[in-house]
Amino acid sequence: MQTITLHVEDSKVDSVMTLLQELKNSLINSYSLSSSNDKNLKLDAYYYERKERLLQLREDIKSQKMPMYDFDSSMDELIKELEA
């Protein structure tokens, strides 16, 4: 088995990933995507996945799709429950 490294412009990564997905069934055993000069990925391999999830969560909170809980009132309720 051999490994091939591709250097692809950021704007064309989706197209290359689509191609690789099509080839995976017949020609490619496995593949992975990484940025060669991204310090964030060297420190944390899931940086961009978490970043995207947090941005989506923030938008959901702003649009009120996701409810926000008041910490103080939640803690008051918890304390009352524990005291009972």
N, C-alpha and C. Protein backbone atom coordinates (compact mmCIF):
# COMPACT_ATOMS: atom_id res chain seq x y z
N MET A 1 0.84 -1.17 0.00
CA MET A 1 0.00 0.00 0.00
C MET A 1 0.89 1.24 0.00
N GLN A 2 0.44 2.29 -0.66
CA GLN A 2 1.18 3.53 -0.73
C GLN A 2 0.30 4.70 -0.32
N THR A 3 0.94 5.80 0.07
CA THR A 3 0.24 7.00 0.51
C THR A 3 0.51 8.12 -0.48
N ILE A 4 -0.52 8.87 -0.80
CA ILE A 4 -0.39 10.02 -1.70
C ILE A 4 -0.80 11.26 -0.92
N THR A 5 0.01 12.32 -1.01
CA THR A 5 -0.32 13.59 -0.36
C THR A 5 -0.71 14.59 -1.43
N LEU A 6 -1.85 15.24 -1.23
CA LEU A 6 -2.33 16.26 -2.16
C LEU A 6 -2.34 17.61 -1.48
N HIS A 7 -1.94 18.63 -2.19
CA HIS A 7 -2.04 20.00 -1.70
C HIS A 7 -3.14 20.67 -2.53
N VAL A 8 -4.23 21.02 -1.87
CA VAL A 8 -5.41 21.52 -2.56
C VAL A 8 -5.78 22.89 -1.98
N GLU A 9 -6.18 23.80 -2.84
CA GLU A 9 -6.65 25.11 -2.39
C GLU A 9 -7.90 24.93 -1.53
N ASP A 10 -8.04 25.78 -0.53
CA ASP A 10 -9.18 25.67 0.39
C ASP A 10 -10.52 25.68 -0.34
N SER A 11 -10.62 26.47 -1.37
CA SER A 11 -11.90 26.59 -2.08
C SER A 11 -12.26 25.35 -2.89
N LYS A 12 -11.29 24.45 -3.10
CA LYS A 12 -11.54 23.27 -3.92
C LYS A 12 -11.55 21.96 -3.11
N VAL A 13 -11.44 22.06 -1.81
CA VAL A 13 -11.38 20.87 -0.97
C VAL A 13 -12.66 20.05 -1.08
N ASP A 14 -13.81 20.70 -1.09
CA ASP A 14 -15.07 19.96 -1.18
C ASP A 14 -15.15 19.12 -2.44
N SER A 15 -14.70 19.66 -3.54
CA SER A 15 -14.72 18.92 -4.80
C SER A 15 -13.81 17.70 -4.74
N VAL A 16 -12.64 17.87 -4.17
CA VAL A 16 -11.70 16.75 -4.07
C VAL A 16 -12.25 15.69 -3.11
N MET A 17 -12.85 16.12 -2.01
CA MET A 17 -13.43 15.17 -1.06
C MET A 17 -14.57 14.38 -1.70
N THR A 18 -15.36 15.02 -2.53
CA THR A 18 -16.43 14.33 -3.25
C THR A 18 -15.84 13.27 -4.18
N LEU A 19 -14.80 13.64 -4.88
CA LEU A 19 -14.12 12.69 -5.76
C LEU A 19 -13.58 11.49 -4.98
N LEU A 20 -12.94 11.77 -3.86
CA LEU A 20 -12.38 10.69 -3.05
C LEU A 20 -13.48 9.77 -2.51
N GLN A 21 -14.59 10.35 -2.13
CA GLN A 21 -15.70 9.53 -1.64
C GLN A 21 -16.20 8.59 -2.73
N GLU A 22 -16.26 9.08 -3.96
CA GLU A 22 -16.69 8.24 -5.08
C GLU A 22 -15.69 7.11 -5.36
N LEU A 23 -14.42 7.42 -5.21
CA LEU A 23 -13.38 6.42 -5.47
C LEU A 23 -13.19 5.44 -4.32
N LYS A 24 -13.60 5.82 -3.14
CA LYS A 24 -13.36 5.00 -1.95
C LYS A 24 -13.94 3.60 -2.09
N ASN A 25 -15.10 3.48 -2.69
CA ASN A 25 -15.74 2.18 -2.80
C ASN A 25 -14.95 1.18 -3.63
N SER A 26 -14.23 1.66 -4.64
CA SER A 26 -13.56 0.72 -5.52
C SER A 26 -12.03 0.78 -5.49
N LEU A 27 -11.46 1.96 -5.28
CA LEU A 27 -10.01 2.08 -5.41
C LEU A 27 -9.25 2.42 -4.13
N ILE A 28 -9.86 3.18 -3.25
CA ILE A 28 -9.14 3.71 -2.09
C ILE A 28 -9.58 2.97 -0.83
N ASN A 29 -8.62 2.54 -0.04
CA ASN A 29 -8.94 1.86 1.22
C ASN A 29 -9.42 2.85 2.28
N SER A 30 -8.74 3.96 2.41
CA SER A 30 -9.13 4.98 3.39
C SER A 30 -8.50 6.31 3.00
N TYR A 31 -9.02 7.39 3.58
CA TYR A 31 -8.44 8.70 3.35
C TYR A 31 -8.74 9.59 4.54
N SER A 32 -7.95 10.65 4.69
CA SER A 32 -8.18 11.62 5.76
C SER A 32 -7.81 12.99 5.25
N LEU A 33 -8.36 14.00 5.88
CA LEU A 33 -8.14 15.39 5.50
C LEU A 33 -7.43 16.09 6.64
N SER A 34 -6.36 16.80 6.32
CA SER A 34 -5.68 17.59 7.34
C SER A 34 -5.06 18.82 6.68
N SER A 35 -4.90 19.85 7.47
CA SER A 35 -4.28 21.07 6.99
C SER A 35 -2.81 21.05 7.36
N SER A 36 -1.96 21.32 6.41
CA SER A 36 -0.53 21.18 6.65
C SER A 36 0.05 22.31 7.50
N ASN A 37 -0.58 23.46 7.51
CA ASN A 37 0.01 24.58 8.25
C ASN A 37 -0.98 25.19 9.24
N ASP A 38 -1.90 24.42 9.73
CA ASP A 38 -2.89 24.91 10.66
C ASP A 38 -2.49 24.53 12.08
N LYS A 39 -2.10 25.51 12.88
CA LYS A 39 -1.65 25.26 14.25
C LYS A 39 -2.78 24.70 15.10
N ASN A 40 -4.03 25.09 14.81
CA ASN A 40 -5.17 24.61 15.60
C ASN A 40 -5.29 23.10 15.52
N LEU A 41 -5.08 22.52 14.35
CA LEU A 41 -5.22 21.09 14.19
C LEU A 41 -4.07 20.32 14.84
N LYS A 42 -2.92 20.94 14.97
CA LYS A 42 -1.81 20.29 15.65
C LYS A 42 -2.10 20.17 17.14
N LEU A 43 -2.80 21.16 17.69
CA LEU A 43 -3.14 21.14 19.11
C LEU A 43 -4.40 20.34 19.39
N ASP A 44 -5.33 20.35 18.45
CA ASP A 44 -6.63 19.72 18.67
C ASP A 44 -7.19 19.26 17.34
N ALA A 45 -7.25 17.96 17.14
CA ALA A 45 -7.68 17.41 15.86
C ALA A 45 -9.15 17.69 15.55
N TYR A 46 -9.96 17.97 16.56
CA TYR A 46 -11.39 18.20 16.35
C TYR A 46 -11.76 19.68 16.48
N TYR A 47 -10.79 20.56 16.36
CA TYR A 47 -11.00 22.00 16.53
C TYR A 47 -12.13 22.52 15.64
N TYR A 48 -12.08 22.24 14.36
CA TYR A 48 -13.06 22.81 13.44
C TYR A 48 -14.44 22.21 13.61
N GLU A 49 -14.53 20.93 13.96
CA GLU A 49 -15.83 20.32 14.21
C GLU A 49 -16.50 20.97 15.41
N ARG A 50 -15.72 21.17 16.49
CA ARG A 50 -16.27 21.81 17.68
C ARG A 50 -16.59 23.27 17.43
N LYS A 51 -15.76 23.94 16.67
CA LYS A 51 -16.00 25.35 16.35
C LYS A 51 -17.32 25.48 15.59
N GLU A 52 -17.54 24.63 14.61
CA GLU A 52 -18.77 24.66 13.83
C GLU A 52 -19.99 24.38 14.72
N ARG A 53 -19.86 23.40 15.61
CA ARG A 53 -20.95 23.06 16.53
C ARG A 53 -21.27 24.22 17.47
N LEU A 54 -20.24 24.88 17.98
CA LEU A 54 -20.46 26.02 18.87
C LEU A 54 -21.10 27.19 18.14
N LEU A 55 -20.69 27.44 16.91
CA LEU A 55 -21.32 28.51 16.13
C LEU A 55 -22.79 28.20 15.88
N GLN A 56 -23.10 26.94 15.58
CA GLN A 56 -24.49 26.55 15.37
C GLN A 56 -25.29 26.68 16.66
N LEU A 57 -24.71 26.29 17.76
CA LEU A 57 -25.37 26.41 19.06
C LEU A 57 -25.65 27.87 19.39
N ARG A 58 -24.70 28.72 19.11
CA ARG A 58 -24.88 30.16 19.36
C ARG A 58 -26.03 30.72 18.53
N GLU A 59 -26.10 30.32 17.27
CA GLU A 59 -27.19 30.77 16.41
C GLU A 59 -28.54 30.23 16.90
N ASP A 60 -28.55 28.99 17.35
CA ASP A 60 -29.79 28.40 17.88
C ASP A 60 -30.25 29.12 19.13
N ILE A 61 -29.33 29.54 19.96
CA ILE A 61 -29.70 30.28 21.17
C ILE A 61 -30.23 31.66 20.80
N LYS A 62 -29.56 32.33 19.86
CA LYS A 62 -30.02 33.65 19.42
C LYS A 62 -31.41 33.59 18.79
N SER A 63 -31.68 32.55 18.02
CA SER A 63 -32.98 32.43 17.35
C SER A 63 -34.02 31.74 18.25
N GLN A 64 -33.63 31.41 19.47
CA GLN A 64 -34.47 30.78 20.48
C GLN A 64 -34.93 29.37 20.10
N LYS A 65 -34.20 28.72 19.22
CA LYS A 65 -34.45 27.30 18.96
C LYS A 65 -33.97 26.46 20.14
N MET A 66 -32.91 26.94 20.80
CA MET A 66 -32.34 26.27 21.98
C MET A 66 -32.59 27.18 23.18
N PRO A 67 -33.27 26.68 24.21
CA PRO A 67 -33.57 27.53 25.37
C PRO A 67 -32.32 27.80 26.21
N MET A 68 -32.28 28.98 26.79
CA MET A 68 -31.22 29.35 27.73
C MET A 68 -31.78 29.20 29.14
N TYR A 69 -30.99 28.62 30.01
CA TYR A 69 -31.41 28.47 31.39
C TYR A 69 -30.65 29.46 32.27
N ASP A 70 -31.38 30.04 33.23
CA ASP A 70 -30.76 30.97 34.17
C ASP A 70 -30.04 30.15 35.24
N PHE A 71 -28.75 30.33 35.35
CA PHE A 71 -27.94 29.54 36.28
C PHE A 71 -28.40 29.72 37.72
N ASP A 72 -28.64 30.97 38.12
CA ASP A 72 -29.01 31.23 39.51
C ASP A 72 -30.32 30.55 39.88
N SER A 73 -31.33 30.68 39.02
CA SER A 73 -32.61 30.05 39.35
C SER A 73 -32.51 28.53 39.29
N SER A 74 -31.71 28.01 38.39
CA SER A 74 -31.51 26.56 38.33
C SER A 74 -30.82 26.06 39.59
N MET A 75 -29.83 26.79 40.08
CA MET A 75 -29.14 26.40 41.30
C MET A 75 -30.08 26.50 42.50
N ASP A 76 -30.92 27.54 42.55
CA ASP A 76 -31.89 27.67 43.64
C ASP A 76 -32.83 26.48 43.66
N GLU A 77 -33.31 26.07 42.49
CA GLU A 77 -34.19 24.90 42.41
C GLU A 77 -33.46 23.63 42.86
N LEU A 78 -32.22 23.48 42.47
CA LEU A 78 -31.44 22.31 42.86
C LEU A 78 -31.24 22.27 44.37
N ILE A 79 -30.91 23.40 44.97
CA ILE A 79 -30.70 23.47 46.41
C ILE A 79 -31.99 23.11 47.15
N LYS A 80 -33.13 23.65 46.69
CA LYS A 80 -34.42 23.33 47.32
C LYS A 80 -34.71 21.84 47.20
N GLU A 81 -34.40 21.26 46.05
CA GLU A 81 -34.64 19.82 45.85
C GLU A 81 -33.75 18.99 46.76
N LEU A 82 -32.50 19.42 46.95
CA LEU A 82 -31.58 18.67 47.79
C LEU A 82 -31.93 18.80 49.28
N GLU A 83 -32.49 19.95 49.64
CA GLU A 83 -32.88 20.16 51.03
C GLU A 83 -34.13 19.36 51.41
N ALA A 84 -34.95 19.03 50.44
CA ALA A 84 -36.22 18.32 50.73
C ALA A 84 -36.01 16.88 51.08
